[in-house]
Amino acid sequence: MTKFALFGAGFIGKVHANNIAAHPRATLQYVYDINTEAAQQVASRLGAHVASTPEEIWAADDVDCIPIGLGGSNPALPWRWIPSSPRLRARTSRTHR
């Protein structure tokens, strides 16, 4: 089972969330959005937790993959959301080969 956390709960984020939920070997663990109401709606519908900060997702031990569901005028993660911890670098280097 691949465990996902999702950045974004708008239109694109919902598309990602629905695809994750529909896959038999995937589970959505966390949803984060600056609009906490949108994150809560997606998370409650799919049985996930709402992350209160991006750092909560980065620190989670029960996450294998983090798709980015941001679109519109801000389709990239702000750099301040991306930690530089050795643990995260180890995790991302395994998944991006």
N, C-alpha and C. Protein backbone atom coordinates (compact mmCIF):
# COMPACT_ATOMS: atom_id res chain seq x y z
N MET A 1 0.85 -1.18 0.00
CA MET A 1 0.00 0.00 0.00
C MET A 1 0.89 1.24 0.00
N THR A 2 0.66 2.12 -0.95
CA THR A 2 1.39 3.38 -1.00
C THR A 2 0.58 4.44 -0.27
N LYS A 3 1.24 5.12 0.65
CA LYS A 3 0.58 6.12 1.49
C LYS A 3 0.93 7.53 1.00
N PHE A 4 -0.11 8.30 0.74
CA PHE A 4 0.04 9.63 0.15
C PHE A 4 -0.32 10.74 1.13
N ALA A 5 0.35 11.86 0.96
CA ALA A 5 -0.06 13.14 1.53
C ALA A 5 -0.22 14.07 0.34
N LEU A 6 -1.10 15.02 0.45
CA LEU A 6 -1.42 15.87 -0.69
C LEU A 6 -1.33 17.34 -0.31
N PHE A 7 -0.60 18.09 -1.12
CA PHE A 7 -0.59 19.55 -0.99
C PHE A 7 -1.62 20.09 -1.98
N GLY A 8 -2.65 20.74 -1.47
CA GLY A 8 -3.65 21.36 -2.32
C GLY A 8 -4.98 20.64 -2.25
N ALA A 9 -6.05 21.40 -2.02
CA ALA A 9 -7.38 20.82 -1.94
C ALA A 9 -8.37 21.58 -2.82
N GLY A 10 -7.82 22.28 -3.82
CA GLY A 10 -8.68 22.95 -4.80
C GLY A 10 -9.03 21.98 -5.92
N PHE A 11 -9.27 22.51 -7.10
CA PHE A 11 -9.69 21.66 -8.22
C PHE A 11 -8.66 20.57 -8.53
N ILE A 12 -7.40 20.94 -8.72
CA ILE A 12 -6.36 19.96 -9.05
C ILE A 12 -6.14 18.99 -7.90
N GLY A 13 -6.11 19.52 -6.67
CA GLY A 13 -5.94 18.66 -5.50
C GLY A 13 -7.04 17.63 -5.38
N LYS A 14 -8.27 18.02 -5.66
CA LYS A 14 -9.40 17.08 -5.61
C LYS A 14 -9.25 15.99 -6.66
N VAL A 15 -8.76 16.35 -7.83
CA VAL A 15 -8.52 15.34 -8.88
C VAL A 15 -7.51 14.32 -8.37
N HIS A 16 -6.39 14.80 -7.82
CA HIS A 16 -5.39 13.89 -7.26
C HIS A 16 -5.98 13.04 -6.14
N ALA A 17 -6.71 13.67 -5.23
CA ALA A 17 -7.30 12.96 -4.09
C ALA A 17 -8.25 11.86 -4.55
N ASN A 18 -9.10 12.16 -5.52
CA ASN A 18 -10.04 11.16 -6.02
C ASN A 18 -9.31 9.99 -6.70
N ASN A 19 -8.25 10.30 -7.44
CA ASN A 19 -7.48 9.24 -8.08
C ASN A 19 -6.79 8.35 -7.05
N ILE A 20 -6.25 8.97 -6.02
CA ILE A 20 -5.61 8.18 -4.95
C ILE A 20 -6.65 7.29 -4.28
N ALA A 21 -7.80 7.86 -3.95
CA ALA A 21 -8.85 7.10 -3.26
C ALA A 21 -9.37 5.94 -4.10
N ALA A 22 -9.37 6.11 -5.41
CA ALA A 22 -9.90 5.07 -6.30
C ALA A 22 -8.92 3.92 -6.54
N HIS A 23 -7.67 4.12 -6.20
CA HIS A 23 -6.66 3.10 -6.47
C HIS A 23 -6.65 2.07 -5.34
N PRO A 24 -6.68 0.79 -5.67
CA PRO A 24 -6.77 -0.24 -4.62
C PRO A 24 -5.50 -0.39 -3.77
N ARG A 25 -4.38 0.12 -4.24
CA ARG A 25 -3.15 -0.01 -3.46
C ARG A 25 -2.62 1.34 -3.00
N ALA A 26 -3.54 2.28 -2.79
CA ALA A 26 -3.15 3.62 -2.34
C ALA A 26 -4.09 4.07 -1.23
N THR A 27 -3.55 4.88 -0.35
CA THR A 27 -4.37 5.47 0.69
C THR A 27 -3.91 6.91 0.91
N LEU A 28 -4.87 7.79 1.12
CA LEU A 28 -4.57 9.19 1.38
C LEU A 28 -4.48 9.39 2.89
N GLN A 29 -3.31 9.76 3.36
CA GLN A 29 -3.06 9.93 4.79
C GLN A 29 -3.35 11.36 5.26
N TYR A 30 -2.87 12.36 4.49
CA TYR A 30 -2.95 13.77 4.90
C TYR A 30 -3.33 14.66 3.72
N VAL A 31 -4.00 15.75 4.05
CA VAL A 31 -4.28 16.81 3.08
C VAL A 31 -3.87 18.12 3.73
N TYR A 32 -3.14 18.96 2.98
CA TYR A 32 -2.81 20.30 3.46
C TYR A 32 -3.22 21.32 2.41
N ASP A 33 -3.83 22.38 2.86
CA ASP A 33 -4.13 23.53 2.01
C ASP A 33 -4.19 24.76 2.91
N ILE A 34 -3.78 25.90 2.39
CA ILE A 34 -3.87 27.12 3.20
C ILE A 34 -5.33 27.44 3.51
N ASN A 35 -6.23 26.95 2.67
CA ASN A 35 -7.67 27.05 2.94
C ASN A 35 -8.04 25.79 3.74
N THR A 36 -8.04 25.92 5.06
CA THR A 36 -8.26 24.74 5.90
C THR A 36 -9.65 24.13 5.72
N GLU A 37 -10.62 24.94 5.36
CA GLU A 37 -11.96 24.40 5.11
C GLU A 37 -11.95 23.46 3.90
N ALA A 38 -11.26 23.85 2.84
CA ALA A 38 -11.15 22.98 1.66
C ALA A 38 -10.40 21.69 2.01
N ALA A 39 -9.33 21.81 2.77
CA ALA A 39 -8.58 20.62 3.19
C ALA A 39 -9.46 19.70 4.02
N GLN A 40 -10.25 20.27 4.92
CA GLN A 40 -11.14 19.47 5.77
C GLN A 40 -12.19 18.74 4.95
N GLN A 41 -12.74 19.41 3.94
CA GLN A 41 -13.76 18.77 3.11
C GLN A 41 -13.19 17.56 2.39
N VAL A 42 -12.01 17.71 1.78
CA VAL A 42 -11.39 16.59 1.06
C VAL A 42 -11.02 15.48 2.03
N ALA A 43 -10.38 15.85 3.13
CA ALA A 43 -9.91 14.86 4.09
C ALA A 43 -11.07 14.08 4.71
N SER A 44 -12.12 14.75 5.11
CA SER A 44 -13.23 14.05 5.75
C SER A 44 -13.95 13.14 4.77
N ARG A 45 -14.05 13.55 3.53
CA ARG A 45 -14.73 12.73 2.52
C ARG A 45 -13.95 11.45 2.22
N LEU A 46 -12.62 11.53 2.35
CA LEU A 46 -11.78 10.38 1.96
C LEU A 46 -11.09 9.70 3.14
N GLY A 47 -11.41 10.10 4.35
CA GLY A 47 -10.86 9.45 5.53
C GLY A 47 -9.41 9.78 5.83
N ALA A 48 -8.97 10.96 5.45
CA ALA A 48 -7.59 11.39 5.68
C ALA A 48 -7.55 12.38 6.84
N HIS A 49 -6.35 12.71 7.26
CA HIS A 49 -6.13 13.72 8.29
C HIS A 49 -5.83 15.06 7.62
N VAL A 50 -6.20 16.14 8.27
CA VAL A 50 -5.83 17.46 7.81
C VAL A 50 -4.52 17.83 8.49
N ALA A 51 -3.50 18.12 7.69
CA ALA A 51 -2.23 18.59 8.24
C ALA A 51 -2.37 20.08 8.53
N SER A 52 -1.92 20.49 9.69
CA SER A 52 -2.04 21.90 10.06
C SER A 52 -0.93 22.76 9.47
N THR A 53 0.18 22.12 9.08
CA THR A 53 1.30 22.83 8.46
C THR A 53 1.95 21.92 7.43
N PRO A 54 2.68 22.48 6.46
CA PRO A 54 3.44 21.64 5.54
C PRO A 54 4.47 20.78 6.28
N GLU A 55 5.04 21.33 7.33
CA GLU A 55 6.06 20.60 8.09
C GLU A 55 5.51 19.32 8.71
N GLU A 56 4.24 19.32 9.04
CA GLU A 56 3.63 18.10 9.59
C GLU A 56 3.70 16.96 8.58
N ILE A 57 3.49 17.28 7.32
CA ILE A 57 3.58 16.25 6.27
C ILE A 57 5.01 15.81 6.08
N TRP A 58 5.94 16.76 6.02
CA TRP A 58 7.35 16.39 5.82
C TRP A 58 7.85 15.50 6.95
N ALA A 59 7.35 15.73 8.15
CA ALA A 59 7.82 14.97 9.31
C ALA A 59 7.12 13.62 9.46
N ALA A 60 6.05 13.40 8.74
CA ALA A 60 5.26 12.17 8.91
C ALA A 60 6.04 10.94 8.46
N ASP A 61 6.00 9.91 9.28
CA ASP A 61 6.65 8.65 8.94
C ASP A 61 5.74 7.74 8.11
N ASP A 62 4.47 8.08 8.01
CA ASP A 62 3.52 7.22 7.31
C ASP A 62 3.14 7.79 5.94
N VAL A 63 4.11 8.40 5.26
CA VAL A 63 3.88 8.97 3.93
C VAL A 63 4.97 8.48 2.98
N ASP A 64 4.56 7.95 1.84
CA ASP A 64 5.50 7.47 0.82
C ASP A 64 5.62 8.43 -0.36
N CYS A 65 4.56 9.19 -0.63
CA CYS A 65 4.54 10.02 -1.83
C CYS A 65 3.71 11.28 -1.54
N ILE A 66 4.17 12.41 -2.11
CA ILE A 66 3.49 13.68 -1.88
C ILE A 66 3.23 14.36 -3.23
N PRO A 67 2.07 14.10 -3.86
CA PRO A 67 1.76 14.84 -5.09
C PRO A 67 1.41 16.28 -4.76
N ILE A 68 1.66 17.14 -5.71
CA ILE A 68 1.38 18.56 -5.54
C ILE A 68 0.15 18.90 -6.36
N GLY A 69 -0.90 19.30 -5.69
CA GLY A 69 -2.15 19.63 -6.37
C GLY A 69 -2.43 21.12 -6.37
N LEU A 70 -1.41 21.90 -6.67
CA LEU A 70 -1.57 23.36 -6.70
C LEU A 70 -1.66 23.82 -8.14
N GLY A 71 -2.55 24.72 -8.41
CA GLY A 71 -2.71 25.23 -9.77
C GLY A 71 -3.00 26.71 -9.74
N GLY A 72 -3.61 27.18 -10.77
CA GLY A 72 -3.97 28.58 -10.82
C GLY A 72 -2.76 29.48 -10.91
N SER A 73 -2.76 30.54 -10.12
CA SER A 73 -1.69 31.51 -10.20
C SER A 73 -0.46 31.12 -9.38
N ASN A 74 -0.54 30.02 -8.60
CA ASN A 74 0.58 29.62 -7.75
C ASN A 74 0.78 28.11 -7.85
N PRO A 75 1.26 27.60 -8.99
CA PRO A 75 1.33 26.16 -9.19
C PRO A 75 2.56 25.48 -8.59
N ALA A 76 3.39 26.18 -7.87
CA ALA A 76 4.59 25.57 -7.29
C ALA A 76 4.58 25.75 -5.78
N LEU A 77 5.28 24.85 -5.11
CA LEU A 77 5.41 24.98 -3.67
C LEU A 77 6.30 26.15 -3.32
N PRO A 78 5.91 26.95 -2.36
CA PRO A 78 6.83 27.99 -1.89
C PRO A 78 8.08 27.33 -1.32
N TRP A 79 9.24 27.88 -1.60
CA TRP A 79 10.50 27.27 -1.14
C TRP A 79 10.53 27.08 0.35
N ARG A 80 9.88 27.97 1.12
CA ARG A 80 9.92 27.84 2.57
C ARG A 80 9.20 26.57 3.04
N TRP A 81 8.37 25.98 2.19
CA TRP A 81 7.69 24.74 2.56
C TRP A 81 8.58 23.52 2.41
N ILE A 82 9.69 23.65 1.71
CA ILE A 82 10.54 22.49 1.41
C ILE A 82 11.71 22.46 2.38
N PRO A 83 11.68 21.52 3.29
CA PRO A 83 12.74 21.47 4.30
C PRO A 83 14.04 20.93 3.71
N SER A 84 15.11 21.17 4.43
CA SER A 84 16.41 20.70 3.96
C SER A 84 16.98 19.66 4.91
N SER A 85 16.13 18.90 5.57
CA SER A 85 16.61 17.92 6.53
C SER A 85 17.25 16.73 5.81
N PRO A 86 18.28 16.13 6.40
CA PRO A 86 18.91 14.94 5.81
C PRO A 86 17.91 13.79 5.64
N ARG A 87 16.97 13.65 6.58
CA ARG A 87 15.98 12.57 6.50
C ARG A 87 15.12 12.73 5.25
N LEU A 88 14.68 13.95 4.97
CA LEU A 88 13.87 14.19 3.79
C LEU A 88 14.69 13.98 2.52
N ARG A 89 15.91 14.46 2.49
CA ARG A 89 16.76 14.25 1.32
C ARG A 89 16.91 12.77 1.04
N ALA A 90 17.06 11.96 2.08
CA ALA A 90 17.18 10.52 1.90
C ALA A 90 15.90 9.93 1.33
N ARG A 91 14.75 10.41 1.82
CA ARG A 91 13.48 9.90 1.33
C ARG A 91 13.26 10.28 -0.12
N THR A 92 13.54 11.52 -0.48
CA THR A 92 13.28 11.96 -1.85
C THR A 92 14.27 11.37 -2.83
N SER A 93 15.50 11.13 -2.41
CA SER A 93 16.47 10.55 -3.33
C SER A 93 16.09 9.13 -3.70
N ARG A 94 15.42 8.41 -2.81
CA ARG A 94 14.98 7.04 -3.11
C ARG A 94 13.85 7.05 -4.14
N THR A 95 13.02 8.08 -4.11
CA THR A 95 11.83 8.06 -4.96
C THR A 95 12.03 8.78 -6.29
N HIS A 96 13.10 9.52 -6.47
CA HIS A 96 13.31 10.28 -7.69
C HIS A 96 14.55 9.83 -8.43
N ARG A 97 14.60 8.56 -8.77
CA ARG A 97 15.74 8.03 -9.54
C ARG A 97 15.32 7.67 -10.94
